[in-house]
Amino acid sequence: MIVPRQPHSEWKRVGPLIPIMRDADASVLTAAARRNGMRNLREEGWMKIRDGVTTGDEAMRAMQEF
């Protein structure tokens, strides 16, 4: 069975916090992004598997590339 590849991305729109936090530590930026709905690659992959959009093998392959 051939399953088309699905984009996996950690980039999310965070809003107006980014310009204000330009010199912030990465952990501060990550916390702000997560408060605004960002999910990491693993979480996004599990959601796509759950929704039937991709397979476990494809999600694991994508996670190993990073």
N, C-alpha and C. Protein backbone atom coordinates (compact mmCIF):
# COMPACT_ATOMS: atom_id res chain seq x y z
N MET A 1 0.84 -1.17 0.00
CA MET A 1 0.00 0.00 0.00
C MET A 1 0.89 1.24 0.00
N ILE A 2 0.64 2.14 -0.92
CA ILE A 2 1.42 3.37 -1.00
C ILE A 2 0.63 4.48 -0.30
N VAL A 3 1.29 5.13 0.64
CA VAL A 3 0.66 6.24 1.36
C VAL A 3 1.43 7.50 1.00
N PRO A 4 0.75 8.52 0.47
CA PRO A 4 1.46 9.75 0.14
C PRO A 4 2.12 10.36 1.37
N ARG A 5 3.27 10.94 1.18
CA ARG A 5 3.96 11.59 2.30
C ARG A 5 3.20 12.80 2.77
N GLN A 6 3.22 13.02 4.05
CA GLN A 6 2.58 14.17 4.66
C GLN A 6 3.64 15.07 5.25
N PRO A 7 3.47 16.37 5.14
CA PRO A 7 4.47 17.28 5.74
C PRO A 7 4.41 17.21 7.26
N HIS A 8 5.55 17.17 7.87
CA HIS A 8 5.66 17.23 9.33
C HIS A 8 6.42 18.51 9.64
N SER A 9 5.87 19.31 10.49
CA SER A 9 6.50 20.60 10.73
C SER A 9 6.34 21.03 12.17
N GLU A 10 7.40 21.61 12.71
CA GLU A 10 7.32 22.19 14.04
C GLU A 10 7.09 23.69 13.98
N TRP A 11 7.08 24.27 12.78
CA TRP A 11 6.88 25.71 12.65
C TRP A 11 5.42 26.04 12.84
N LYS A 12 5.15 26.90 13.76
CA LYS A 12 3.79 27.37 14.01
C LYS A 12 3.82 28.88 14.19
N ARG A 13 2.72 29.50 13.88
CA ARG A 13 2.62 30.94 14.10
C ARG A 13 2.43 31.18 15.59
N VAL A 14 3.29 31.98 16.19
CA VAL A 14 3.25 32.23 17.62
C VAL A 14 2.54 33.54 17.93
N GLY A 15 2.57 34.46 17.01
CA GLY A 15 1.90 35.73 17.24
C GLY A 15 2.88 36.83 17.58
N PRO A 16 2.41 37.87 18.22
CA PRO A 16 3.24 39.05 18.47
C PRO A 16 4.32 38.85 19.53
N LEU A 17 4.41 37.69 20.15
CA LEU A 17 5.42 37.47 21.18
C LEU A 17 6.84 37.43 20.62
N ILE A 18 7.01 36.94 19.41
CA ILE A 18 8.34 36.74 18.85
C ILE A 18 9.14 38.04 18.75
N PRO A 19 8.63 39.13 18.17
CA PRO A 19 9.45 40.35 18.11
C PRO A 19 9.86 40.86 19.49
N ILE A 20 8.97 40.72 20.46
CA ILE A 20 9.26 41.20 21.82
C ILE A 20 10.33 40.33 22.47
N MET A 21 10.36 39.04 22.15
CA MET A 21 11.24 38.08 22.80
C MET A 21 12.48 37.78 21.95
N ARG A 22 12.88 38.69 21.13
CA ARG A 22 13.98 38.47 20.18
C ARG A 22 15.26 37.94 20.85
N ASP A 23 15.58 38.42 22.02
CA ASP A 23 16.81 37.98 22.70
C ASP A 23 16.55 36.94 23.78
N ALA A 24 15.38 36.33 23.77
CA ALA A 24 15.02 35.37 24.82
C ALA A 24 15.76 34.05 24.63
N ASP A 25 15.91 33.34 25.72
CA ASP A 25 16.48 32.00 25.72
C ASP A 25 15.55 31.06 24.96
N ALA A 26 16.10 30.01 24.34
CA ALA A 26 15.31 29.07 23.56
C ALA A 26 14.20 28.43 24.39
N SER A 27 14.46 28.15 25.66
CA SER A 27 13.42 27.52 26.50
C SER A 27 12.25 28.47 26.72
N VAL A 28 12.51 29.77 26.79
CA VAL A 28 11.45 30.76 26.95
C VAL A 28 10.62 30.83 25.67
N LEU A 29 11.28 30.83 24.52
CA LEU A 29 10.57 30.85 23.25
C LEU A 29 9.73 29.59 23.06
N THR A 30 10.30 28.44 23.42
CA THR A 30 9.57 27.18 23.30
C THR A 30 8.34 27.19 24.19
N ALA A 31 8.48 27.66 25.43
CA ALA A 31 7.34 27.72 26.35
C ALA A 31 6.25 28.63 25.80
N ALA A 32 6.62 29.78 25.25
CA ALA A 32 5.64 30.71 24.67
C ALA A 32 4.95 30.06 23.47
N ALA A 33 5.71 29.38 22.63
CA ALA A 33 5.13 28.73 21.46
C ALA A 33 4.16 27.63 21.87
N ARG A 34 4.53 26.83 22.88
CA ARG A 34 3.65 25.75 23.33
C ARG A 34 2.37 26.30 23.95
N ARG A 35 2.47 27.41 24.66
CA ARG A 35 1.26 28.04 25.21
C ARG A 35 0.32 28.49 24.09
N ASN A 36 0.89 28.75 22.93
CA ASN A 36 0.10 29.20 21.79
C ASN A 36 -0.22 28.07 20.81
N GLY A 37 -0.05 26.83 21.24
CA GLY A 37 -0.50 25.69 20.44
C GLY A 37 0.54 24.92 19.66
N MET A 38 1.82 25.25 19.79
CA MET A 38 2.84 24.50 19.06
C MET A 38 2.96 23.09 19.63
N ARG A 39 3.08 22.12 18.73
CA ARG A 39 3.36 20.74 19.13
C ARG A 39 4.71 20.36 18.54
N ASN A 40 5.42 19.47 19.24
CA ASN A 40 6.70 19.04 18.69
C ASN A 40 6.47 17.98 17.61
N LEU A 41 7.52 17.61 16.93
CA LEU A 41 7.43 16.68 15.81
C LEU A 41 6.82 15.35 16.22
N ARG A 42 7.20 14.83 17.36
CA ARG A 42 6.67 13.54 17.83
C ARG A 42 5.16 13.64 18.08
N GLU A 43 4.74 14.70 18.76
CA GLU A 43 3.30 14.87 19.02
C GLU A 43 2.51 15.00 17.72
N GLU A 44 3.05 15.77 16.79
CA GLU A 44 2.39 15.95 15.49
C GLU A 44 2.30 14.61 14.75
N GLY A 45 3.38 13.81 14.82
CA GLY A 45 3.37 12.50 14.18
C GLY A 45 2.32 11.58 14.76
N TRP A 46 2.22 11.53 16.09
CA TRP A 46 1.21 10.67 16.73
C TRP A 46 -0.20 11.11 16.36
N MET A 47 -0.42 12.41 16.24
CA MET A 47 -1.75 12.90 15.85
C MET A 47 -2.08 12.47 14.41
N LYS A 48 -1.09 12.53 13.52
CA LYS A 48 -1.32 12.12 12.13
C LYS A 48 -1.57 10.61 12.04
N ILE A 49 -0.89 9.82 12.86
CA ILE A 49 -1.14 8.38 12.89
C ILE A 49 -2.56 8.13 13.40
N ARG A 50 -2.92 8.78 14.51
CA ARG A 50 -4.25 8.61 15.10
C ARG A 50 -5.36 8.97 14.10
N ASP A 51 -5.13 10.04 13.32
CA ASP A 51 -6.14 10.51 12.37
C ASP A 51 -6.12 9.73 11.06
N GLY A 52 -5.19 8.78 10.93
CA GLY A 52 -5.11 7.96 9.73
C GLY A 52 -4.50 8.67 8.53
N VAL A 53 -3.78 9.76 8.78
CA VAL A 53 -3.18 10.54 7.71
C VAL A 53 -1.85 9.95 7.26
N THR A 54 -1.15 9.29 8.17
CA THR A 54 0.15 8.69 7.85
C THR A 54 0.27 7.37 8.60
N THR A 55 1.34 6.66 8.32
CA THR A 55 1.59 5.38 8.99
C THR A 55 2.63 5.57 10.09
N GLY A 56 2.69 4.60 10.99
CA GLY A 56 3.71 4.63 12.03
C GLY A 56 5.11 4.61 11.44
N ASP A 57 5.31 3.81 10.39
CA ASP A 57 6.63 3.73 9.75
C ASP A 57 7.04 5.08 9.18
N GLU A 58 6.11 5.77 8.52
CA GLU A 58 6.44 7.06 7.91
C GLU A 58 6.73 8.09 9.00
N ALA A 59 5.96 8.08 10.06
CA ALA A 59 6.20 9.03 11.15
C ALA A 59 7.56 8.78 11.80
N MET A 60 7.90 7.52 12.03
CA MET A 60 9.20 7.19 12.62
C MET A 60 10.34 7.60 11.70
N ARG A 61 10.17 7.38 10.40
CA ARG A 61 11.20 7.77 9.44
C ARG A 61 11.42 9.29 9.48
N ALA A 62 10.33 10.03 9.53
CA ALA A 62 10.44 11.49 9.56
C ALA A 62 11.13 11.95 10.85
N MET A 63 10.82 11.31 11.97
CA MET A 63 11.42 11.71 13.25
C MET A 63 12.91 11.39 13.27
N GLN A 64 13.33 10.32 12.62
CA GLN A 64 14.74 9.94 12.62
C GLN A 64 15.57 10.85 11.75
N GLU A 65 14.94 11.58 10.82
CA GLU A 65 15.69 12.49 9.95
C GLU A 65 16.18 13.71 10.71
N PHE A 66 15.55 14.01 11.84
CA PHE A 66 15.92 15.22 12.58
C PHE A 66 16.77 14.88 13.73
